[in-house]
Amino acid sequence: LVDTFLAAVRAGDMQAILALLDPGVVRRADRWAIPPSEPAELLGSDPVAQGIMLYARTAQRFARKALIDGNPGLIIAPHGRLRVAITLDIRDLKIIEIDVIAEPARLACLTITLPAQATISDH
């Protein structure tokens, strides 16, 4: 599901993104991850999908699938430097919760495992 989600985001395919989101999906983002004018929490598939579309360009270049503290997700790491970690809570083949982490102190505490690569940890 994470591969399908990442492909939909990279393609900017709003309908494909909506198909992967639970109608009651919640997106939470820390203040380091979003502009001050954007709400820290979005509720519902339409607002969450619209929020995701704002970052499709960044995903095209820098997003990678990863396990974040053992949970499925994505990382944004331009030039190998971790900037954002996104965890996805998945139930019944739908994304029910998205947590966007960009605060440096929170990022430093995460253990990130990339597919077929070594574990990254800043502890």
PDB file of N, CA and C in Angstrom:
ATOM      1  N   LEU A   1       0.822  -1.198   0.000  1.00  0.00           N
ATOM      2  CA  LEU A   1       0.000   0.000   0.000  1.00  0.00           C
ATOM      3  C   LEU A   1       0.867   1.264   0.000  1.00  0.00           C
ATOM      4  N   VAL A   2       1.994   1.228   0.701  1.00  0.00           N
ATOM      5  CA  VAL A   2       2.871   2.403   0.746  1.00  0.00           C
ATOM      6  C   VAL A   2       3.423   2.704  -0.647  1.00  0.00           C
ATOM      7  N   ASP A   3       3.795   1.656  -1.387  1.00  0.00           N
ATOM      8  CA  ASP A   3       4.285   1.865  -2.759  1.00  0.00           C
ATOM      9  C   ASP A   3       3.210   2.508  -3.632  1.00  0.00           C
ATOM     10  N   THR A   4       1.975   2.031  -3.511  1.00  0.00           N
ATOM     11  CA  THR A   4       0.859   2.570  -4.294  1.00  0.00           C
ATOM     12  C   THR A   4       0.597   4.025  -3.917  1.00  0.00           C
ATOM     13  N   PHE A   5       0.647   4.313  -2.600  1.00  0.00           N
ATOM     14  CA  PHE A   5       0.446   5.673  -2.122  1.00  0.00           C
ATOM     15  C   PHE A   5       1.535   6.593  -2.661  1.00  0.00           C
ATOM     16  N   LEU A   6       2.788   6.163  -2.558  1.00  0.00           N
ATOM     17  CA  LEU A   6       3.896   6.993  -3.036  1.00  0.00           C
ATOM     18  C   LEU A   6       3.782   7.231  -4.541  1.00  0.00           C
ATOM     19  N   ALA A   7       3.417   6.218  -5.297  1.00  0.00           N
ATOM     20  CA  ALA A   7       3.245   6.384  -6.742  1.00  0.00           C
ATOM     21  C   ALA A   7       2.132   7.384  -7.050  1.00  0.00           C
ATOM     22  N   ALA A   8       1.029   7.315  -6.318  1.00  0.00           N
ATOM     23  CA  ALA A   8      -0.084   8.245  -6.531  1.00  0.00           C
ATOM     24  C   ALA A   8       0.325   9.672  -6.200  1.00  0.00           C
ATOM     25  N   VAL A   9       1.065   9.848  -5.110  1.00  0.00           N
ATOM     26  CA  VAL A   9       1.517  11.187  -4.726  1.00  0.00           C
ATOM     27  C   VAL A   9       2.490  11.722  -5.774  1.00  0.00           C
ATOM     28  N   ARG A  10       3.445  10.907  -6.180  1.00  0.00           N
ATOM     29  CA  ARG A  10       4.420  11.346  -7.193  1.00  0.00           C
ATOM     30  C   ARG A  10       3.738  11.722  -8.499  1.00  0.00           C
ATOM     31  N   ALA A  11       2.674  11.002  -8.859  1.00  0.00           N
ATOM     32  CA  ALA A  11       1.948  11.285 -10.101  1.00  0.00           C
ATOM     33  C   ALA A  11       0.989  12.460  -9.952  1.00  0.00           C
ATOM     34  N   GLY A  12       0.770  12.910  -8.711  1.00  0.00           N
ATOM     35  CA  GLY A  12      -0.211  13.968  -8.482  1.00  0.00           C
ATOM     36  C   GLY A  12      -1.620  13.509  -8.795  1.00  0.00           C
ATOM     37  N   ASP A  13      -1.887  12.218  -8.579  1.00  0.00           N
ATOM     38  CA  ASP A  13      -3.166  11.610  -8.921  1.00  0.00           C
ATOM     39  C   ASP A  13      -4.124  11.682  -7.726  1.00  0.00           C
ATOM     40  N   MET A  14      -4.910  12.728  -7.689  1.00  0.00           N
ATOM     41  CA  MET A  14      -5.831  12.974  -6.573  1.00  0.00           C
ATOM     42  C   MET A  14      -6.808  11.811  -6.380  1.00  0.00           C
ATOM     43  N   GLN A  15      -7.350  11.259  -7.446  1.00  0.00           N
ATOM     44  CA  GLN A  15      -8.317  10.167  -7.324  1.00  0.00           C
ATOM     45  C   GLN A  15      -7.672   8.916  -6.741  1.00  0.00           C
ATOM     46  N   ALA A  16      -6.451   8.620  -7.146  1.00  0.00           N
ATOM     47  CA  ALA A  16      -5.745   7.457  -6.602  1.00  0.00           C
ATOM     48  C   ALA A  16      -5.440   7.662  -5.121  1.00  0.00           C
ATOM     49  N   ILE A  17      -5.075   8.875  -4.744  1.00  0.00           N
ATOM     50  CA  ILE A  17      -4.814   9.172  -3.330  1.00  0.00           C
ATOM     51  C   ILE A  17      -6.104   9.000  -2.528  1.00  0.00           C
ATOM     52  N   LEU A  18      -7.192   9.572  -3.015  1.00  0.00           N
ATOM     53  CA  LEU A  18      -8.479   9.456  -2.326  1.00  0.00           C
ATOM     54  C   LEU A  18      -8.891   7.991  -2.146  1.00  0.00           C
ATOM     55  N   ALA A  19      -8.595   7.154  -3.131  1.00  0.00           N
ATOM     56  CA  ALA A  19      -8.963   5.739  -3.059  1.00  0.00           C
ATOM     57  C   ALA A  19      -8.218   5.008  -1.948  1.00  0.00           C
ATOM     58  N   LEU A  20      -7.061   5.537  -1.534  1.00  0.00           N
ATOM     59  CA  LEU A  20      -6.247   4.894  -0.494  1.00  0.00           C
ATOM     60  C   LEU A  20      -6.554   5.413   0.904  1.00  0.00           C
ATOM     61  N   LEU A  21      -7.266   6.530   0.991  1.00  0.00           N
ATOM     62  CA  LEU A  21      -7.552   7.155   2.279  1.00  0.00           C
ATOM     63  C   LEU A  21      -8.904   6.710   2.814  1.00  0.00           C
ATOM     64  N   ASP A  22      -8.947   6.397   4.102  1.00  0.00           N
ATOM     65  CA  ASP A  22     -10.213   6.143   4.779  1.00  0.00           C
ATOM     66  C   ASP A  22     -10.993   7.462   4.805  1.00  0.00           C
ATOM     67  N   PRO A  23     -12.321   7.425   4.691  1.00  0.00           N
ATOM     68  CA  PRO A  23     -13.082   8.681   4.740  1.00  0.00           C
ATOM     69  C   PRO A  23     -12.828   9.502   6.005  1.00  0.00           C
ATOM     70  N   GLY A  24     -12.504   8.859   7.110  1.00  0.00           N
ATOM     71  CA  GLY A  24     -12.244   9.567   8.362  1.00  0.00           C
ATOM     72  C   GLY A  24     -10.772   9.756   8.675  1.00  0.00           C
ATOM     73  N   VAL A  25      -9.918   9.678   7.670  1.00  0.00           N
ATOM     74  CA  VAL A  25      -8.474   9.802   7.877  1.00  0.00           C
ATOM     75  C   VAL A  25      -8.129  11.107   8.605  1.00  0.00           C
ATOM     76  N   VAL A  26      -7.106  11.035   9.441  1.00  0.00           N
ATOM     77  CA  VAL A  26      -6.597  12.204  10.168  1.00  0.00           C
ATOM     78  C   VAL A  26      -5.139  12.404   9.778  1.00  0.00           C
ATOM     79  N   ARG A  27      -4.778  13.636   9.421  1.00  0.00           N
ATOM     80  CA  ARG A  27      -3.386  13.986   9.189  1.00  0.00           C
ATOM     81  C   ARG A  27      -2.954  14.963  10.271  1.00  0.00           C
ATOM     82  N   ARG A  28      -1.927  14.581  11.029  1.00  0.00           N
ATOM     83  CA  ARG A  28      -1.351  15.460  12.041  1.00  0.00           C
ATOM     84  C   ARG A  28       0.058  15.842  11.605  1.00  0.00           C
ATOM     85  N   ALA A  29       0.393  17.088  11.772  1.00  0.00           N
ATOM     86  CA  ALA A  29       1.722  17.551  11.386  1.00  0.00           C
ATOM     87  C   ALA A  29       2.257  18.469  12.472  1.00  0.00           C
ATOM     88  N   ASP A  30       3.527  18.298  12.800  1.00  0.00           N
ATOM     89  CA  ASP A  30       4.099  19.222  13.781  1.00  0.00           C
ATOM     90  C   ASP A  30       4.379  20.565  13.096  1.00  0.00           C
ATOM     91  N   ARG A  31       4.583  21.576  13.885  1.00  0.00           N
ATOM     92  CA  ARG A  31       4.728  22.943  13.365  1.00  0.00           C
ATOM     93  C   ARG A  31       5.964  23.138  12.496  1.00  0.00           C
ATOM     94  N   TRP A  32       6.920  22.244  12.581  1.00  0.00           N
ATOM     95  CA  TRP A  32       8.097  22.316  11.723  1.00  0.00           C
ATOM     96  C   TRP A  32       7.759  21.831  10.311  1.00  0.00           C
ATOM     97  N   ALA A  33       6.695  21.054  10.166  1.00  0.00           N
ATOM     98  CA  ALA A  33       6.379  20.394   8.895  1.00  0.00           C
ATOM     99  C   ALA A  33       5.488  21.213   7.977  1.00  0.00           C
ATOM    100  N   ILE A  34       4.768  22.175   8.516  1.00  0.00           N
ATOM    101  CA  ILE A  34       3.777  22.890   7.711  1.00  0.00           C
ATOM    102  C   ILE A  34       3.901  24.394   7.924  1.00  0.00           C
ATOM    103  N   PRO A  35       3.405  25.172   6.966  1.00  0.00           N
ATOM    104  CA  PRO A  35       3.402  26.625   7.152  1.00  0.00           C
ATOM    105  C   PRO A  35       2.485  27.013   8.311  1.00  0.00           C
ATOM    106  N   PRO A  36       2.772  28.120   8.985  1.00  0.00           N
ATOM    107  CA  PRO A  36       1.944  28.550  10.120  1.00  0.00           C
ATOM    108  C   PRO A  36       0.469  28.735   9.777  1.00  0.00           C
ATOM    109  N   SER A  37       0.166  29.044   8.537  1.00  0.00           N
ATOM    110  CA  SER A  37      -1.230  29.268   8.142  1.00  0.00           C
ATOM    111  C   SER A  37      -2.018  27.967   7.959  1.00  0.00           C
ATOM    112  N   GLU A  38      -1.329  26.846   7.885  1.00  0.00           N
ATOM    113  CA  GLU A  38      -1.998  25.557   7.675  1.00  0.00           C
ATOM    114  C   GLU A  38      -2.327  24.916   9.016  1.00  0.00           C
ATOM    115  N   PRO A  39      -3.504  24.294   9.140  1.00  0.00           N
ATOM    116  CA  PRO A  39      -3.843  23.656  10.420  1.00  0.00           C
ATOM    117  C   PRO A  39      -2.952  22.436  10.689  1.00  0.00           C
ATOM    118  N   ALA A  40      -2.632  22.226  11.954  1.00  0.00           N
ATOM    119  CA  ALA A  40      -1.796  21.088  12.344  1.00  0.00           C
ATOM    120  C   ALA A  40      -2.526  19.767  12.144  1.00  0.00           C
ATOM    121  N   GLU A  41      -3.846  19.794  12.162  1.00  0.00           N
ATOM    122  CA  GLU A  41      -4.627  18.574  12.003  1.00  0.00           C
ATOM    123  C   GLU A  41      -5.680  18.769  10.917  1.00  0.00           C
ATOM    124  N   LEU A  42      -5.738  17.800  10.016  1.00  0.00           N
ATOM    125  CA  LEU A  42      -6.777  17.766   8.996  1.00  0.00           C
ATOM    126  C   LEU A  42      -7.585  16.495   9.200  1.00  0.00           C
ATOM    127  N   LEU A  43      -8.876  16.573   8.998  1.00  0.00           N
ATOM    128  CA  LEU A  43      -9.758  15.431   9.183  1.00  0.00           C
ATOM    129  C   LEU A  43     -10.594  15.218   7.922  1.00  0.00           C
ATOM    130  N   GLY A  44     -10.605  14.010   7.423  1.00  0.00           N
ATOM    131  CA  GLY A  44     -11.403  13.661   6.251  1.00  0.00           C
ATOM    132  C   GLY A  44     -10.554  13.497   5.007  1.00  0.00           C
ATOM    133  N   SER A  45     -10.992  12.605   4.130  1.00  0.00           N
ATOM    134  CA  SER A  45     -10.187  12.267   2.964  1.00  0.00           C
ATOM    135  C   SER A  45      -9.981  13.436   2.002  1.00  0.00           C
ATOM    136  N   ASP A  46     -10.994  14.260   1.775  1.00  0.00           N
ATOM    137  CA  ASP A  46     -10.815  15.376   0.840  1.00  0.00           C
ATOM    138  C   ASP A  46      -9.792  16.397   1.336  1.00  0.00           C
ATOM    139  N   PRO A  47      -9.920  16.923   2.570  1.00  0.00           N
ATOM    140  CA  PRO A  47      -8.914  17.881   3.032  1.00  0.00           C
ATOM    141  C   PRO A  47      -7.511  17.269   3.122  1.00  0.00           C
ATOM    142  N   VAL A  48      -7.427  16.017   3.543  1.00  0.00           N
ATOM    143  CA  VAL A  48      -6.112  15.372   3.653  1.00  0.00           C
ATOM    144  C   VAL A  48      -5.498  15.204   2.262  1.00  0.00           C
ATOM    145  N   ALA A  49      -6.281  14.751   1.299  1.00  0.00           N
ATOM    146  CA  ALA A  49      -5.766  14.578  -0.062  1.00  0.00           C
ATOM    147  C   ALA A  49      -5.320  15.911  -0.662  1.00  0.00           C
ATOM    148  N   GLN A  50      -6.089  16.964  -0.416  1.00  0.00           N
ATOM    149  CA  GLN A  50      -5.698  18.282  -0.915  1.00  0.00           C
ATOM    150  C   GLN A  50      -4.387  18.736  -0.279  1.00  0.00           C
ATOM    151  N   GLY A  51      -4.224  18.465   1.011  1.00  0.00           N
ATOM    152  CA  GLY A  51      -2.970  18.793   1.688  1.00  0.00           C
ATOM    153  C   GLY A  51      -1.802  18.009   1.122  1.00  0.00           C
ATOM    154  N   ILE A  52      -2.036  16.742   0.823  1.00  0.00           N
ATOM    155  CA  ILE A  52      -0.985  15.904   0.237  1.00  0.00           C
ATOM    156  C   ILE A  52      -0.566  16.449  -1.125  1.00  0.00           C
ATOM    157  N   MET A  53      -1.526  16.898  -1.902  1.00  0.00           N
ATOM    158  CA  MET A  53      -1.221  17.407  -3.245  1.00  0.00           C
ATOM    159  C   MET A  53      -0.271  18.604  -3.215  1.00  0.00           C
ATOM    160  N   LEU A  54      -0.288  19.367  -2.135  1.00  0.00           N
ATOM    161  CA  LEU A  54       0.609  20.518  -2.021  1.00  0.00           C
ATOM    162  C   LEU A  54       2.077  20.094  -2.017  1.00  0.00           C
ATOM    163  N   TYR A  55       2.336  18.844  -1.634  1.00  0.00           N
ATOM    164  CA  TYR A  55       3.718  18.378  -1.492  1.00  0.00           C
ATOM    165  C   TYR A  55       4.101  17.330  -2.529  1.00  0.00           C
ATOM    166  N   ALA A  56       3.285  17.181  -3.569  1.00  0.00           N
ATOM    167  CA  ALA A  56       3.550  16.169  -4.595  1.00  0.00           C
ATOM    168  C   ALA A  56       4.890  16.401  -5.289  1.00  0.00           C
ATOM    169  N   ARG A  57       5.235  17.640  -5.533  1.00  0.00           N
ATOM    170  CA  ARG A  57       6.512  17.943  -6.198  1.00  0.00           C
ATOM    171  C   ARG A  57       7.700  17.496  -5.368  1.00  0.00           C
ATOM    172  N   THR A  58       7.643  17.756  -4.071  1.00  0.00           N
ATOM    173  CA  THR A  58       8.719  17.328  -3.182  1.00  0.00           C
ATOM    174  C   THR A  58       8.825  15.812  -3.186  1.00  0.00           C
ATOM    175  N   ALA A  59       7.685  15.137  -3.168  1.00  0.00           N
ATOM    176  CA  ALA A  59       7.671  13.668  -3.177  1.00  0.00           C
ATOM    177  C   ALA A  59       8.289  13.119  -4.451  1.00  0.00           C
ATOM    178  N   GLN A  60       8.069  13.789  -5.565  1.00  0.00           N
ATOM    179  CA  GLN A  60       8.630  13.320  -6.827  1.00  0.00           C
ATOM    180  C   GLN A  60      10.143  13.215  -6.754  1.00  0.00           C
ATOM    181  N   ARG A  61      10.758  14.128  -6.077  1.00  0.00           N
ATOM    182  CA  ARG A  61      12.223  14.174  -6.041  1.00  0.00           C
ATOM    183  C   ARG A  61      12.833  13.459  -4.862  1.00  0.00           C
ATOM    184  N   PHE A  62      12.208  13.544  -3.686  1.00  0.00           N
ATOM    185  CA  PHE A  62      12.932  13.137  -2.487  1.00  0.00           C
ATOM    186  C   PHE A  62      12.286  12.066  -1.617  1.00  0.00           C
ATOM    187  N   ALA A  63      11.020  11.735  -1.830  1.00  0.00           N
ATOM    188  CA  ALA A  63      10.341  10.787  -0.937  1.00  0.00           C
ATOM    189  C   ALA A  63      10.815   9.355  -1.191  1.00  0.00           C
ATOM    190  N   ARG A  64      10.973   8.621  -0.079  1.00  0.00           N
ATOM    191  CA  ARG A  64      11.359   7.212  -0.145  1.00  0.00           C
ATOM    192  C   ARG A  64      10.557   6.436   0.881  1.00  0.00           C
ATOM    193  N   LYS A  65      10.238   5.225   0.527  1.00  0.00           N
ATOM    194  CA  LYS A  65       9.548   4.329   1.458  1.00  0.00           C
ATOM    195  C   LYS A  65      10.519   3.944   2.569  1.00  0.00           C
ATOM    196  N   ALA A  66       9.971   3.812   3.800  1.00  0.00           N
ATOM    197  CA  ALA A  66      10.802   3.442   4.947  1.00  0.00           C
ATOM    198  C   ALA A  66       9.932   2.868   6.052  1.00  0.00           C
ATOM    199  N   LEU A  67      10.575   2.159   6.965  1.00  0.00           N
ATOM    200  CA  LEU A  67       9.939   1.814   8.228  1.00  0.00           C
ATOM    201  C   LEU A  67      10.419   2.834   9.238  1.00  0.00           C
ATOM    202  N   ILE A  68       9.487   3.416   9.971  1.00  0.00           N
ATOM    203  CA  ILE A  68       9.804   4.444  10.957  1.00  0.00           C
ATOM    204  C   ILE A  68       9.371   3.898  12.305  1.00  0.00           C
ATOM    205  N   ASP A  69      10.338   3.606  13.140  1.00  0.00           N
ATOM    206  CA  ASP A  69      10.074   2.936  14.416  1.00  0.00           C
ATOM    207  C   ASP A  69       9.218   1.687  14.210  1.00  0.00           C
ATOM    208  N   GLY A  70       9.491   0.977  13.121  1.00  0.00           N
ATOM    209  CA  GLY A  70       8.788  -0.258  12.819  1.00  0.00           C
ATOM    210  C   GLY A  70       7.456  -0.092  12.112  1.00  0.00           C
ATOM    211  N   ASN A  71       7.039   1.140  11.854  1.00  0.00           N
ATOM    212  CA  ASN A  71       5.759   1.412  11.201  1.00  0.00           C
ATOM    213  C   ASN A  71       5.979   1.842   9.751  1.00  0.00           C
ATOM    214  N   PRO A  72       5.034   1.528   8.853  1.00  0.00           N
ATOM    215  CA  PRO A  72       5.209   1.924   7.457  1.00  0.00           C
ATOM    216  C   PRO A  72       5.144   3.437   7.309  1.00  0.00           C
ATOM    217  N   GLY A  73       5.933   3.931   6.363  1.00  0.00           N
ATOM    218  CA  GLY A  73       5.906   5.357   6.123  1.00  0.00           C
ATOM    219  C   GLY A  73       6.830   5.779   5.006  1.00  0.00           C
ATOM    220  N   LEU A  74       7.082   7.064   4.981  1.00  0.00           N
ATOM    221  CA  LEU A  74       7.928   7.689   3.967  1.00  0.00           C
ATOM    222  C   LEU A  74       8.891   8.637   4.661  1.00  0.00           C
ATOM    223  N   ILE A  75      10.021   8.856   4.026  1.00  0.00           N
ATOM    224  CA  ILE A  75      10.920   9.899   4.499  1.00  0.00           C
ATOM    225  C   ILE A  75      11.208  10.848   3.349  1.00  0.00           C
ATOM    226  N   ILE A  76      11.485  12.075   3.704  1.00  0.00           N
ATOM    227  CA  ILE A  76      11.958  13.084   2.759  1.00  0.00           C
ATOM    228  C   ILE A  76      13.373  13.412   3.222  1.00  0.00           C
ATOM    229  N   ALA A  77      14.346  13.060   2.387  1.00  0.00           N
ATOM    230  CA  ALA A  77      15.745  13.235   2.782  1.00  0.00           C
ATOM    231  C   ALA A  77      16.554  13.748   1.594  1.00  0.00           C
ATOM    232  N   PRO A  78      16.405  15.046   1.275  1.00  0.00           N
ATOM    233  CA  PRO A  78      17.197  15.587   0.168  1.00  0.00           C
ATOM    234  C   PRO A  78      18.690  15.487   0.477  1.00  0.00           C
ATOM    235  N   HIS A  79      19.419  15.002  -0.494  1.00  0.00           N
ATOM    236  CA  HIS A  79      20.878  14.870  -0.374  1.00  0.00           C
ATOM    237  C   HIS A  79      21.276  14.051   0.853  1.00  0.00           C
ATOM    238  N   GLY A  80      20.424  13.091   1.224  1.00  0.00           N
ATOM    239  CA  GLY A  80      20.727  12.190   2.325  1.00  0.00           C
ATOM    240  C   GLY A  80      20.497  12.763   3.715  1.00  0.00           C
ATOM    241  N   ARG A  81      19.937  13.960   3.803  1.00  0.00           N
ATOM    242  CA  ARG A  81      19.695  14.582   5.110  1.00  0.00           C
ATOM    243  C   ARG A  81      18.202  14.521   5.433  1.00  0.00           C
ATOM    244  N   LEU A  82      17.867  13.819   6.496  1.00  0.00           N
ATOM    245  CA  LEU A  82      16.475  13.634   6.882  1.00  0.00           C
ATOM    246  C   LEU A  82      15.824  14.964   7.256  1.00  0.00           C
ATOM    247  N   ARG A  83      14.742  15.291   6.553  1.00  0.00           N
ATOM    248  CA  ARG A  83      13.992  16.526   6.821  1.00  0.00           C
ATOM    249  C   ARG A  83      12.605  16.241   7.371  1.00  0.00           C
ATOM    250  N   VAL A  84      11.960  15.161   6.864  1.00  0.00           N
ATOM    251  CA  VAL A  84      10.584  14.844   7.246  1.00  0.00           C
ATOM    252  C   VAL A  84      10.422  13.325   7.292  1.00  0.00           C
ATOM    253  N   ALA A  85       9.707  12.867   8.298  1.00  0.00           N
ATOM    254  CA  ALA A  85       9.295  11.465   8.385  1.00  0.00           C
ATOM    255  C   ALA A  85       7.773  11.452   8.442  1.00  0.00           C
ATOM    256  N   ILE A  86       7.165  10.554   7.676  1.00  0.00           N
ATOM    257  CA  ILE A  86       5.709  10.467   7.596  1.00  0.00           C
ATOM    258  C   ILE A  86       5.313   9.033   7.916  1.00  0.00           C
ATOM    259  N   THR A  87       4.591   8.857   9.016  1.00  0.00           N
ATOM    260  CA  THR A  87       4.119   7.513   9.343  1.00  0.00           C
ATOM    261  C   THR A  87       2.693   7.358   8.854  1.00  0.00           C
ATOM    262  N   LEU A  88       2.379   6.137   8.435  1.00  0.00           N
ATOM    263  CA  LEU A  88       1.055   5.819   7.921  1.00  0.00           C
ATOM    264  C   LEU A  88       0.461   4.708   8.767  1.00  0.00           C
ATOM    265  N   ASP A  89      -0.701   4.960   9.340  1.00  0.00           N
ATOM    266  CA  ASP A  89      -1.436   3.933  10.082  1.00  0.00           C
ATOM    267  C   ASP A  89      -2.456   3.362   9.102  1.00  0.00           C
ATOM    268  N   ILE A  90      -2.328   2.062   8.823  1.00  0.00           N
ATOM    269  CA  ILE A  90      -3.138   1.416   7.801  1.00  0.00           C
ATOM    270  C   ILE A  90      -4.016   0.350   8.437  1.00  0.00           C
ATOM    271  N   ARG A  91      -5.301   0.387   8.098  1.00  0.00           N
ATOM    272  CA  ARG A  91      -6.248  -0.651   8.525  1.00  0.00           C
ATOM    273  C   ARG A  91      -7.167  -0.971   7.367  1.00  0.00           C
ATOM    274  N   ASP A  92      -7.394  -2.266   7.173  1.00  0.00           N
ATOM    275  CA  ASP A  92      -8.302  -2.720   6.105  1.00  0.00           C
ATOM    276  C   ASP A  92      -7.950  -2.097   4.750  1.00  0.00           C
ATOM    277  N   LEU A  93      -6.636  -2.033   4.468  1.00  0.00           N
ATOM    278  CA  LEU A  93      -6.120  -1.519   3.199  1.00  0.00           C
ATOM    279  C   LEU A  93      -6.471  -0.055   2.934  1.00  0.00           C
ATOM    280  N   LYS A  94      -6.688   0.703   3.995  1.00  0.00           N
ATOM    281  CA  LYS A  94      -6.921   2.149   3.886  1.00  0.00           C
ATOM    282  C   LYS A  94      -6.017   2.862   4.885  1.00  0.00           C
ATOM    283  N   ILE A  95      -5.563   4.035   4.528  1.00  0.00           N
ATOM    284  CA  ILE A  95      -4.773   4.860   5.437  1.00  0.00           C
ATOM    285  C   ILE A  95      -5.741   5.591   6.350  1.00  0.00           C
ATOM    286  N   ILE A  96      -5.599   5.353   7.671  1.00  0.00           N
ATOM    287  CA  ILE A  96      -6.521   5.983   8.616  1.00  0.00           C
ATOM    288  C   ILE A  96      -5.868   7.141   9.375  1.00  0.00           C
ATOM    289  N   GLU A  97      -4.540   7.178   9.390  1.00  0.00           N
ATOM    290  CA  GLU A  97      -3.859   8.257  10.096  1.00  0.00           C
ATOM    291  C   GLU A  97      -2.498   8.501   9.453  1.00  0.00           C
ATOM    292  N   ILE A  98      -2.156   9.771   9.336  1.00  0.00           N
ATOM    293  CA  ILE A  98      -0.866  10.190   8.803  1.00  0.00           C
ATOM    294  C   ILE A  98      -0.251  11.145   9.814  1.00  0.00           C
ATOM    295  N   ASP A  99       0.982  10.866  10.223  1.00  0.00           N
ATOM    296  CA  ASP A  99       1.690  11.739  11.161  1.00  0.00           C
ATOM    297  C   ASP A  99       2.928  12.268  10.456  1.00  0.00           C
ATOM    298  N   VAL A 100       3.017  13.593  10.334  1.00  0.00           N
ATOM    299  CA  VAL A 100       4.118  14.236   9.631  1.00  0.00           C
ATOM    300  C   VAL A 100       5.044  14.863  10.678  1.00  0.00           C
ATOM    301  N   ILE A 101       6.273  14.379  10.698  1.00  0.00           N
ATOM    302  CA  ILE A 101       7.249  14.788  11.716  1.00  0.00           C
ATOM    303  C   ILE A 101       8.411  15.508  11.033  1.00  0.00           C
ATOM    304  N   ALA A 102       8.681  16.726  11.460  1.00  0.00           N
ATOM    305  CA  ALA A 102       9.816  17.475  10.925  1.00  0.00           C
ATOM    306  C   ALA A 102      10.624  18.165  12.023  1.00  0.00           C
ATOM    307  N   GLU A 103      10.108  18.186  13.237  1.00  0.00           N
ATOM    308  CA  GLU A 103      10.826  18.811  14.346  1.00  0.00           C
ATOM    309  C   GLU A 103      12.137  18.066  14.572  1.00  0.00           C
ATOM    310  N   PRO A 104      13.271  18.752  14.532  1.00  0.00           N
ATOM    311  CA  PRO A 104      14.567  18.075  14.643  1.00  0.00           C
ATOM    312  C   PRO A 104      14.700  17.161  15.869  1.00  0.00           C
ATOM    313  N   ALA A 105      14.204  17.583  17.013  1.00  0.00           N
ATOM    314  CA  ALA A 105      14.314  16.746  18.216  1.00  0.00           C
ATOM    315  C   ALA A 105      13.514  15.450  18.061  1.00  0.00           C
ATOM    316  N   ARG A 106      12.360  15.524  17.437  1.00  0.00           N
ATOM    317  CA  ARG A 106      11.561  14.314  17.207  1.00  0.00           C
ATOM    318  C   ARG A 106      12.214  13.427  16.159  1.00  0.00           C
ATOM    319  N   LEU A 107      12.723  14.027  15.086  1.00  0.00           N
ATOM    320  CA  LEU A 107      13.399  13.246  14.054  1.00  0.00           C
ATOM    321  C   LEU A 107      14.603  12.492  14.624  1.00  0.00           C
ATOM    322  N   ALA A 108      15.317  13.134  15.515  1.00  0.00           N
ATOM    323  CA  ALA A 108      16.524  12.527  16.085  1.00  0.00           C
ATOM    324  C   ALA A 108      16.232  11.270  16.893  1.00  0.00           C
ATOM    325  N   CYS A 109      15.014  11.121  17.350  1.00  0.00           N
ATOM    326  CA  CYS A 109      14.643   9.963  18.179  1.00  0.00           C
ATOM    327  C   CYS A 109      14.093   8.799  17.366  1.00  0.00           C
ATOM    328  N   LEU A 110      13.922   8.974  16.081  1.00  0.00           N
ATOM    329  CA  LEU A 110      13.331   7.932  15.247  1.00  0.00           C
ATOM    330  C   LEU A 110      14.375   6.920  14.785  1.00  0.00           C
ATOM    331  N   THR A 111      13.953   5.688  14.661  1.00  0.00           N
ATOM    332  CA  THR A 111      14.771   4.666  14.015  1.00  0.00           C
ATOM    333  C   THR A 111      14.135   4.400  12.662  1.00  0.00           C
ATOM    334  N   ILE A 112      14.921   4.633  11.619  1.00  0.00           N
ATOM    335  CA  ILE A 112      14.413   4.530  10.260  1.00  0.00           C
ATOM    336  C   ILE A 112      15.160   3.421   9.536  1.00  0.00           C
ATOM    337  N   THR A 113      14.380   2.532   8.934  1.00  0.00           N
ATOM    338  CA  THR A 113      14.953   1.437   8.170  1.00  0.00           C
ATOM    339  C   THR A 113      14.504   1.582   6.724  1.00  0.00           C
ATOM    340  N   LEU A 114      15.468   1.658   5.835  1.00  0.00           N
ATOM    341  CA  LEU A 114      15.168   1.746   4.415  1.00  0.00           C
ATOM    342  C   LEU A 114      15.170   0.341   3.829  1.00  0.00           C
ATOM    343  N   PRO A 115      14.341   0.085   2.827  1.00  0.00           N
ATOM    344  CA  PRO A 115      14.319  -1.244   2.221  1.00  0.00           C
ATOM    345  C   PRO A 115      15.703  -1.652   1.720  1.00  0.00           C
ATOM    346  N   ALA A 116      16.115  -2.853   2.098  1.00  0.00           N
ATOM    347  CA  ALA A 116      17.381  -3.443   1.660  1.00  0.00           C
ATOM    348  C   ALA A 116      18.597  -2.603   2.010  1.00  0.00           C
ATOM    349  N   GLN A 117      18.483  -1.814   3.073  1.00  0.00           N
ATOM    350  CA  GLN A 117      19.608  -1.011   3.511  1.00  0.00           C
ATOM    351  C   GLN A 117      19.736  -1.068   5.018  1.00  0.00           C
ATOM    352  N   ALA A 118      20.791  -0.491   5.527  1.00  0.00           N
ATOM    353  CA  ALA A 118      21.045  -0.487   6.961  1.00  0.00           C
ATOM    354  C   ALA A 118      20.079   0.448   7.682  1.00  0.00           C
ATOM    355  N   THR A 119      19.930   0.218   8.971  1.00  0.00           N
ATOM    356  CA  THR A 119      19.089   1.057   9.815  1.00  0.00           C
ATOM    357  C   THR A 119      19.792   2.392  10.076  1.00  0.00           C
ATOM    358  N   ILE A 120      18.999   3.454  10.084  1.00  0.00           N
ATOM    359  CA  ILE A 120      19.500   4.791  10.391  1.00  0.00           C
ATOM    360  C   ILE A 120      18.925   5.177  11.747  1.00  0.00           C
ATOM    361  N   SER A 121      19.770   5.608  12.651  1.00  0.00           N
ATOM    362  CA  SER A 121      19.291   6.039  13.952  1.00  0.00           C
ATOM    363  C   SER A 121      20.140   7.187  14.439  1.00  0.00           C
ATOM    364  N   ASP A 122      19.494   8.216  14.962  1.00  0.00           N
ATOM    365  CA  ASP A 122      20.212   9.372  15.487  1.00  0.00           C
ATOM    366  C   ASP A 122      20.205   9.413  17.005  1.00  0.00           C
ATOM    367  N   HIS A 123      19.844   8.300  17.676  1.00  0.00           N
ATOM    368  CA  HIS A 123      19.756   8.296  19.152  1.00  0.00           C
ATOM    369  C   HIS A 123      21.097   8.664  19.732  1.00  0.00           C
TER     370      HIS A 123
END
